[in-house]
Amino acid sequence: MRVLLDCSRVISGGALQGVLACVQNLGSNSAIEWHLAIRNEVFTQLSPGAADNFASVAKSSTNYGLIEKVFSPMLMNHAEKKVKPHLVWSFAGPVYWRPEAIHLVGFNQPHLIYPTASVEKLMSSLEIIKKKVVMYAARRSFLNSDYLTVQTNTVAERVARILGFPSDRIFLTRNTYSNIFESTLVNSHREQDKNQFTIFVPANPYPHKNLLIVPEVAKALLDNGLRQFKFSLTVPKQHEKFRKIEFLSMKLGVQDHIVALGTIPHHRLADYYKSSNAVFLPTLLECSTATYPESFLARVPLATSDLDFARSLCCDAAIYFDPYDHLSAAEALCKLMTDQKEREKLVENGLTVLRKNYPTPAEKWEEQLRCIQQVATSGQKRKIG
């Protein structure tokens, strides 16, 4: 059986760690002839020898944006004609093309299944228009897929109900931490700074990640008499979003409490978890996120948004706050900073939730492999239109 693994839309975030973990496991199954389409930026982060698991590798260096949306489908059509796969597995959609082979696509667009009015308040009029156009195209792309994979039952239900995608063509492959993260965490020698409370914010600078709340939260912490703390954001210092954060920080007098770490390669991510005192994720929308299981595995207390996806994934292993209210977020962090027993309780609960709600990387791979085999052997193309 030939499978074309399409990673052409993956460049960062949770999908990146998922791809790296997936590729690491491919060598464990020789019954499938694997072919890979991947971006150069991601290819360079693969473990040594990982590419040897593929019969062929097609790499793309096209810029992420409109140009890519035009040329990526052309490149993938060429790759399919060359490989002639039984199945195309697009790791993360939307992909804006429909192969002749059976097409399995990873769904990861919360904007299509959750209300977005709160996120649009953080965007300019032009950004809103662009996002609506992109989401219209994304919706059509997903509905043109033969099968979808999702990472939670909540998302599966919403995709079927809101998008109208057939529920019997939706497969659950749960999210988790990667084996790369686990191994580097074990071998990491990083330690927490005893002179300050480090709050790690592992999030890309998308509007729905709600990072503009950070300066206001920092100001509220200062107003509560707390001084020795630092927010560490995984955002490049030159990025437009961080410039806005920096401007607001200077206006509020909290610039010394917020730093931009830049984009962190996945193999170094565990170091930053291990050297942090808490993880802060004020997100407004998610399908799933690796931040939750990574926090639990790294034994770092987690503060996150009090929304349905977070509650279902974290249970009693996080302290929750209203992501629309900086005072609520500050209150949650203040609790973590001043209450050692609360931190210890969350860490203990996190390990329990990790075992209950999340598979190991090996178990996740088995879920993915079963899905691939079932779709490839008995799946059929959907009739569109």
Protein backbone atom coordinates (compact mmCIF):
# COMPACT_ATOMS: atom_id res chain seq x y z
CA MET A 1 0.00 0.00 0.00
CA ARG A 2 1.35 3.42 -0.99
CA VAL A 3 0.54 6.46 1.16
CA LEU A 4 1.44 10.04 0.31
CA LEU A 5 1.85 11.99 3.54
CA ASP A 6 1.06 15.60 2.69
CA CYS A 7 2.65 18.00 5.21
CA SER A 8 2.79 20.88 2.76
CA ARG A 9 0.56 23.07 4.96
CA VAL A 10 2.48 22.52 8.18
CA ILE A 11 5.05 25.05 9.35
CA SER A 12 4.58 25.70 13.08
CA GLY A 13 2.49 25.11 16.19
CA GLY A 14 0.85 21.90 17.29
CA ALA A 15 0.70 20.52 13.76
CA LEU A 16 4.49 20.80 13.54
CA GLN A 17 5.10 18.72 16.65
CA GLY A 18 2.52 16.24 15.36
CA VAL A 19 4.35 15.86 12.06
CA LEU A 20 7.72 15.42 13.76
CA ALA A 21 6.28 12.73 16.05
CA CYS A 22 4.50 10.99 13.16
CA VAL A 23 7.58 10.85 10.95
CA GLN A 24 9.58 9.47 13.86
CA ASN A 25 7.22 6.47 14.03
CA LEU A 26 6.98 5.64 10.33
CA GLY A 27 9.89 3.23 10.37
CA SER A 28 7.96 0.93 12.73
CA ASN A 29 5.60 -0.18 9.94
CA SER A 30 7.06 -1.67 6.77
CA ALA A 31 3.70 -2.75 5.30
CA ILE A 32 3.19 0.76 3.94
CA GLU A 33 5.29 2.43 1.28
CA TRP A 34 5.49 6.02 2.49
CA HIS A 35 6.02 9.12 0.37
CA LEU A 36 6.38 12.60 1.82
CA ALA A 37 5.58 16.17 0.75
CA ILE A 38 6.98 18.66 3.23
CA ARG A 39 8.23 22.22 3.61
CA ASN A 40 11.97 22.82 3.81
CA GLU A 41 11.57 24.62 7.16
CA VAL A 42 10.02 21.51 8.68
CA PHE A 43 12.28 19.02 6.91
CA THR A 44 15.32 20.54 8.62
CA GLN A 45 13.78 19.75 12.04
CA LEU A 46 13.36 16.02 11.38
CA SER A 47 15.48 13.64 13.42
CA PRO A 48 18.62 12.34 11.67
CA GLY A 49 17.72 9.45 9.38
CA ALA A 50 13.95 10.06 9.62
CA ALA A 51 13.71 10.82 5.89
CA ASP A 52 15.10 7.34 5.18
CA ASN A 53 11.66 5.93 6.04
CA PHE A 54 10.23 7.42 2.84
CA ALA A 55 10.41 6.05 -0.67
CA SER A 56 10.39 9.63 -1.95
CA VAL A 57 10.48 13.15 -0.48
CA ALA A 58 9.19 16.29 -2.21
CA LYS A 59 10.28 19.52 -0.52
CA SER A 60 8.79 22.97 -1.00
CA SER A 61 10.16 26.36 -0.02
CA THR A 62 7.17 28.40 -1.22
CA ASN A 63 6.28 31.31 1.05
CA TYR A 64 3.34 30.75 3.39
CA GLY A 65 0.53 32.93 2.05
CA LEU A 66 -1.44 33.61 -1.11
CA ILE A 67 1.35 32.41 -3.40
CA GLU A 68 1.45 29.09 -1.58
CA LYS A 69 -2.33 28.68 -1.78
CA VAL A 70 -2.02 28.99 -5.56
CA PHE A 71 1.06 26.84 -6.18
CA SER A 72 0.84 24.23 -3.41
CA PRO A 73 -2.09 22.39 -5.07
CA MET A 74 -0.13 22.30 -8.32
CA LEU A 75 2.87 20.80 -6.53
CA MET A 76 0.72 18.23 -4.74
CA ASN A 77 -1.04 17.22 -7.96
CA HIS A 78 2.37 16.64 -9.50
CA ALA A 79 3.46 14.58 -6.47
CA GLU A 80 0.31 12.44 -6.65
CA LYS A 81 0.75 11.72 -10.35
CA LYS A 82 4.34 10.67 -9.68
CA VAL A 83 3.61 8.47 -6.64
CA LYS A 84 0.16 7.09 -7.61
CA PRO A 85 -0.80 6.49 -3.96
CA HIS A 86 -3.74 4.47 -2.67
CA LEU A 87 -4.29 7.16 -0.05
CA VAL A 88 -3.28 10.78 0.42
CA TRP A 89 -3.06 11.76 4.09
CA SER A 90 -2.98 15.54 4.48
CA PHE A 91 -1.76 15.93 8.02
CA ALA A 92 -3.33 19.36 8.56
CA GLY A 93 -5.84 21.14 6.39
CA PRO A 94 -7.17 23.01 4.64
CA VAL A 95 -5.15 21.97 1.61
CA TYR A 96 -7.15 23.51 -1.29
CA TRP A 97 -6.83 20.53 -3.60
CA ARG A 98 -8.66 17.24 -4.18
CA PRO A 99 -6.52 14.26 -5.19
CA GLU A 100 -7.74 11.39 -7.31
CA ALA A 101 -6.84 8.97 -4.51
CA ILE A 102 -8.86 8.70 -1.31
CA HIS A 103 -8.16 11.81 0.75
CA LEU A 104 -7.84 11.86 4.56
CA VAL A 105 -7.42 15.35 6.04
CA GLY A 106 -6.63 16.59 9.55
CA PHE A 107 -9.17 19.16 10.75
CA ASN A 108 -7.72 22.01 12.83
CA GLN A 109 -9.79 25.14 12.19
CA PRO A 110 -11.77 26.20 15.28
CA HIS A 111 -12.98 29.33 13.46
CA LEU A 112 -15.29 27.09 11.42
CA ILE A 113 -17.02 25.44 14.38
CA TYR A 114 -17.01 28.07 17.16
CA PRO A 115 -18.45 31.60 17.33
CA THR A 116 -15.76 34.10 16.29
CA ALA A 117 -17.26 37.46 17.31
CA SER A 118 -14.96 37.74 20.34
CA VAL A 119 -11.87 37.11 18.21
CA GLU A 120 -12.94 39.62 15.57
CA LYS A 121 -12.95 42.33 18.24
CA LEU A 122 -9.16 41.90 18.34
CA MET A 123 -8.79 42.25 14.56
CA SER A 124 -8.85 45.16 12.14
CA SER A 125 -11.58 45.43 9.51
CA LEU A 126 -9.15 44.34 6.83
CA GLU A 127 -8.03 41.35 8.90
CA ILE A 128 -11.66 40.32 9.43
CA ILE A 129 -12.40 40.48 5.71
CA LYS A 130 -9.28 38.45 4.87
CA LYS A 131 -10.12 35.88 7.54
CA LYS A 132 -13.69 35.45 6.28
CA VAL A 133 -12.44 34.89 2.74
CA VAL A 134 -9.86 32.36 3.92
CA MET A 135 -12.40 30.54 6.11
CA TYR A 136 -14.89 30.36 3.25
CA ALA A 137 -12.24 28.67 1.12
CA ALA A 138 -11.19 26.47 4.07
CA ARG A 139 -14.76 25.29 4.63
CA ARG A 140 -15.10 24.29 0.99
CA SER A 141 -11.74 22.52 1.17
CA PHE A 142 -12.69 20.42 4.19
CA LEU A 143 -16.09 19.56 2.71
CA ASN A 144 -14.28 18.32 -0.42
CA SER A 145 -12.34 15.78 1.69
CA ASP A 146 -13.27 12.10 1.77
CA TYR A 147 -12.45 11.61 5.46
CA LEU A 148 -11.40 13.84 8.34
CA THR A 149 -9.38 13.25 11.49
CA VAL A 150 -10.06 15.25 14.64
CA GLN A 151 -8.41 15.22 18.05
CA THR A 152 -11.38 15.42 20.43
CA ASN A 153 -14.95 14.13 20.55
CA THR A 154 -16.14 17.71 21.06
CA VAL A 155 -14.66 18.73 17.71
CA ALA A 156 -16.03 15.61 16.00
CA GLU A 157 -19.54 16.50 17.16
CA ARG A 158 -19.21 20.13 16.06
CA VAL A 159 -17.76 19.27 12.64
CA ALA A 160 -20.64 16.89 11.96
CA ARG A 161 -23.33 19.25 13.28
CA ILE A 162 -22.07 22.64 12.10
CA LEU A 163 -20.25 21.77 8.88
CA GLY A 164 -22.57 18.90 7.98
CA PHE A 165 -19.68 16.49 7.37
CA PRO A 166 -20.78 12.81 7.60
CA SER A 167 -20.05 11.59 11.14
CA ASP A 168 -19.17 8.09 9.90
CA ARG A 169 -16.28 9.62 7.93
CA ILE A 170 -14.72 11.38 10.94
CA PHE A 171 -11.94 9.57 12.81
CA LEU A 172 -10.65 10.40 16.29
CA THR A 173 -6.87 10.45 16.74
CA ARG A 174 -6.22 12.11 20.07
CA ASN A 175 -3.60 14.80 20.57
CA THR A 176 -0.62 14.37 22.90
CA TYR A 177 2.99 15.41 23.44
CA SER A 178 5.64 14.19 21.01
CA ASN A 179 8.32 11.58 21.69
CA ILE A 180 10.89 14.28 20.88
CA PHE A 181 9.44 16.48 23.63
CA GLU A 182 9.45 13.58 26.09
CA SER A 183 13.05 12.58 25.43
CA THR A 184 14.42 16.14 25.58
CA LEU A 185 12.45 16.78 28.77
CA VAL A 186 14.08 13.78 30.44
CA ASN A 187 17.56 14.91 29.36
CA SER A 188 17.08 18.62 30.04
CA HIS A 189 19.26 20.23 32.71
CA ARG A 190 17.44 23.57 32.72
CA GLU A 191 16.34 24.86 36.11
CA GLN A 192 13.84 27.44 37.31
CA ASP A 193 15.07 30.92 38.20
CA LYS A 194 14.78 31.13 41.99
CA ASN A 195 14.68 34.94 41.89
CA GLN A 196 11.55 35.31 39.77
CA PHE A 197 8.36 33.51 38.76
CA THR A 198 8.58 32.64 35.06
CA ILE A 199 5.26 32.41 33.20
CA PHE A 200 5.67 30.57 29.90
CA VAL A 201 3.25 31.52 27.09
CA PRO A 202 3.77 28.96 24.27
CA ALA A 203 1.55 30.37 21.53
CA ASN A 204 1.88 31.63 17.99
CA PRO A 205 0.87 35.28 17.46
CA TYR A 206 -2.59 34.57 16.02
CA PRO A 207 -5.50 36.82 17.08
CA HIS A 208 -7.38 33.92 18.70
CA LYS A 209 -4.42 33.22 21.00
CA ASN A 210 -5.37 36.48 22.75
CA LEU A 211 -1.80 37.54 23.55
CA LEU A 212 -2.67 41.24 23.78
CA ILE A 213 -4.13 40.50 27.21
CA VAL A 214 -0.65 39.80 28.63
CA PRO A 215 0.39 43.46 29.37
CA GLU A 216 -2.90 44.11 31.17
CA VAL A 217 -2.48 40.94 33.22
CA ALA A 218 1.07 41.98 34.09
CA LYS A 219 -0.17 45.40 35.23
CA ALA A 220 -2.83 43.76 37.43
CA LEU A 221 -0.17 41.56 39.04
CA LEU A 222 1.92 44.64 39.81
CA ASP A 223 -1.13 46.34 41.30
CA ASN A 224 -1.52 43.30 43.56
CA GLY A 225 1.98 43.87 44.93
CA LEU A 226 3.74 41.16 42.95
CA ARG A 227 7.06 42.20 41.45
CA GLN A 228 9.29 39.21 40.72
CA PHE A 229 7.69 37.70 37.62
CA LYS A 230 8.27 37.48 33.88
CA PHE A 231 6.07 36.48 30.93
CA SER A 232 8.06 34.59 28.28
CA LEU A 233 6.31 34.65 24.89
CA THR A 234 7.24 32.43 21.94
CA VAL A 235 6.87 35.34 19.53
CA PRO A 236 9.65 36.95 17.45
CA LYS A 237 10.57 40.38 18.80
CA GLN A 238 10.17 41.94 15.35
CA HIS A 239 6.70 40.47 14.79
CA GLU A 240 3.86 42.97 14.41
CA LYS A 241 1.91 41.32 17.24
CA PHE A 242 4.81 41.68 19.67
CA ARG A 243 5.30 45.30 18.66
CA LYS A 244 1.71 45.90 19.72
CA ILE A 245 2.32 44.03 22.97
CA GLU A 246 5.49 46.04 23.52
CA PHE A 247 3.70 49.35 22.90
CA LEU A 248 0.95 48.47 25.37
CA SER A 249 3.54 47.22 27.87
CA MET A 250 5.42 50.52 27.80
CA LYS A 251 2.16 52.42 28.15
CA LEU A 252 1.30 50.39 31.26
CA GLY A 253 4.86 50.37 32.62
CA VAL A 254 5.29 46.58 32.51
CA GLN A 255 7.85 46.26 29.71
CA ASP A 256 10.44 44.76 32.06
CA HIS A 257 8.09 41.86 32.82
CA ILE A 258 7.50 40.68 29.24
CA VAL A 259 10.10 39.13 26.94
CA ALA A 260 9.96 37.74 23.40
CA LEU A 261 11.80 34.44 23.10
CA GLY A 262 11.24 34.17 19.37
CA THR A 263 10.22 30.98 17.59
CA ILE A 264 11.51 27.97 19.52
CA PRO A 265 12.55 24.83 17.60
CA HIS A 266 10.56 21.84 18.80
CA HIS A 267 13.61 19.98 20.08
CA ARG A 268 14.31 22.87 22.50
CA LEU A 269 10.74 23.42 23.69
CA ALA A 270 11.03 21.13 26.72
CA ASP A 271 13.84 23.27 28.13
CA TYR A 272 11.52 26.28 28.38
CA TYR A 273 8.77 24.30 30.06
CA LYS A 274 11.20 22.88 32.58
CA SER A 275 12.62 26.29 33.48
CA SER A 276 9.16 27.86 33.95
CA ASN A 277 7.01 28.13 37.08
CA ALA A 278 3.68 28.23 35.25
CA VAL A 279 2.17 27.96 31.78
CA PHE A 280 -0.34 30.61 30.69
CA LEU A 281 -2.63 30.08 27.69
CA PRO A 282 -5.38 32.73 27.30
CA THR A 283 -6.68 31.30 24.01
CA LEU A 284 -10.18 32.05 22.74
CA LEU A 285 -10.47 29.22 20.21
CA GLU A 286 -8.93 25.76 19.91
CA CYS A 287 -9.59 22.39 18.33
CA SER A 288 -6.89 20.92 20.51
CA THR A 289 -3.47 21.98 21.72
CA ALA A 290 -0.28 20.15 22.67
CA THR A 291 0.33 22.80 25.33
CA TYR A 292 -1.95 21.00 27.79
CA PRO A 293 -0.30 17.55 27.75
CA GLU A 294 3.15 19.14 27.51
CA SER A 295 2.45 21.14 30.67
CA PHE A 296 1.23 18.05 32.49
CA LEU A 297 4.22 15.94 31.43
CA ALA A 298 6.67 18.72 32.34
CA ARG A 299 4.94 19.09 35.75
CA VAL A 300 4.32 22.79 35.29
CA PRO A 301 1.08 24.28 36.71
CA LEU A 302 -1.31 25.40 33.97
CA ALA A 303 -3.58 28.47 33.83
CA THR A 304 -5.91 28.54 30.84
CA SER A 305 -9.21 29.86 29.48
CA ASP A 306 -12.46 28.73 31.07
CA LEU A 307 -14.00 27.43 27.84
CA ASP A 308 -15.55 24.07 26.90
CA PHE A 309 -12.57 22.65 24.99
CA ALA A 310 -10.21 23.46 27.87
CA ARG A 311 -12.49 21.97 30.55
CA SER A 312 -12.98 18.77 28.56
CA LEU A 313 -9.23 18.29 28.05
CA CYS A 314 -7.84 19.52 31.38
CA CYS A 315 -10.57 18.67 33.92
CA ASP A 316 -9.19 19.53 37.39
CA ALA A 317 -5.59 19.87 36.19
CA ALA A 318 -5.72 23.59 35.40
CA ILE A 319 -6.70 26.82 37.07
CA TYR A 320 -9.26 28.56 34.86
CA PHE A 321 -9.97 32.21 34.14
CA ASP A 322 -12.18 34.35 31.93
CA PRO A 323 -9.99 35.05 28.85
CA TYR A 324 -11.94 38.25 28.18
CA ASP A 325 -11.11 39.66 31.63
CA HIS A 326 -7.49 40.50 32.50
CA LEU A 327 -8.38 40.78 36.19
CA SER A 328 -9.70 37.21 36.18
CA ALA A 329 -6.48 36.02 34.49
CA ALA A 330 -4.36 37.94 36.98
CA GLU A 331 -6.29 36.44 39.88
CA ALA A 332 -5.57 32.92 38.58
CA LEU A 333 -1.86 33.65 38.18
CA CYS A 334 -1.72 35.35 41.56
CA LYS A 335 -3.11 32.15 43.07
CA LEU A 336 -0.37 30.12 41.42
CA MET A 337 2.37 32.56 42.40
CA THR A 338 1.44 32.70 46.07
CA ASP A 339 0.03 29.24 46.82
CA GLN A 340 2.54 26.41 46.65
CA LYS A 341 -0.05 23.80 47.64
CA GLU A 342 -2.24 24.87 44.71
CA ARG A 343 0.71 24.43 42.34
CA GLU A 344 1.48 20.99 43.76
CA LYS A 345 -2.18 19.93 43.49
CA LEU A 346 -2.37 20.98 39.84
CA VAL A 347 0.83 19.12 39.00
CA GLU A 348 -0.47 15.95 40.66
CA ASN A 349 -3.85 16.29 38.93
CA GLY A 350 -2.07 16.94 35.65
CA LEU A 351 -0.29 13.61 35.76
CA THR A 352 -3.62 11.88 36.42
CA VAL A 353 -5.38 13.70 33.57
CA LEU A 354 -2.43 12.97 31.27
CA ARG A 355 -2.88 9.24 31.82
CA LYS A 356 -6.68 9.47 31.52
CA ASN A 357 -7.22 11.86 28.60
CA TYR A 358 -4.09 11.55 26.48
CA PRO A 359 -2.39 8.64 24.73
CA THR A 360 1.35 8.12 24.78
CA PRO A 361 3.10 8.99 21.50
CA ALA A 362 3.19 5.26 20.66
CA GLU A 363 -0.53 4.89 21.37
CA LYS A 364 -1.33 7.93 19.24
CA TRP A 365 0.62 6.44 16.37
CA GLU A 366 -1.40 3.21 16.69
CA GLU A 367 -4.61 5.28 16.48
CA GLN A 368 -3.32 7.05 13.37
CA LEU A 369 -2.16 3.80 11.78
CA ARG A 370 -5.51 2.08 12.36
CA CYS A 371 -7.26 5.05 10.79
CA ILE A 372 -4.97 5.01 7.74
CA GLN A 373 -5.34 1.26 7.23
CA GLN A 374 -9.12 1.35 7.58
CA VAL A 375 -9.54 4.25 5.17
CA ALA A 376 -7.06 2.85 2.64
CA THR A 377 -8.53 -0.67 2.59
CA SER A 378 -12.28 -0.03 2.81
CA GLY A 379 -12.69 3.70 2.24
CA GLN A 380 -14.42 5.24 -0.74
CA LYS A 381 -14.38 8.63 -2.43
CA ARG A 382 -17.21 10.97 -1.45
CA LYS A 383 -19.57 12.25 -4.10
CA ILE A 384 -19.24 16.02 -4.01
CA GLY A 385 -22.00 18.31 -5.20
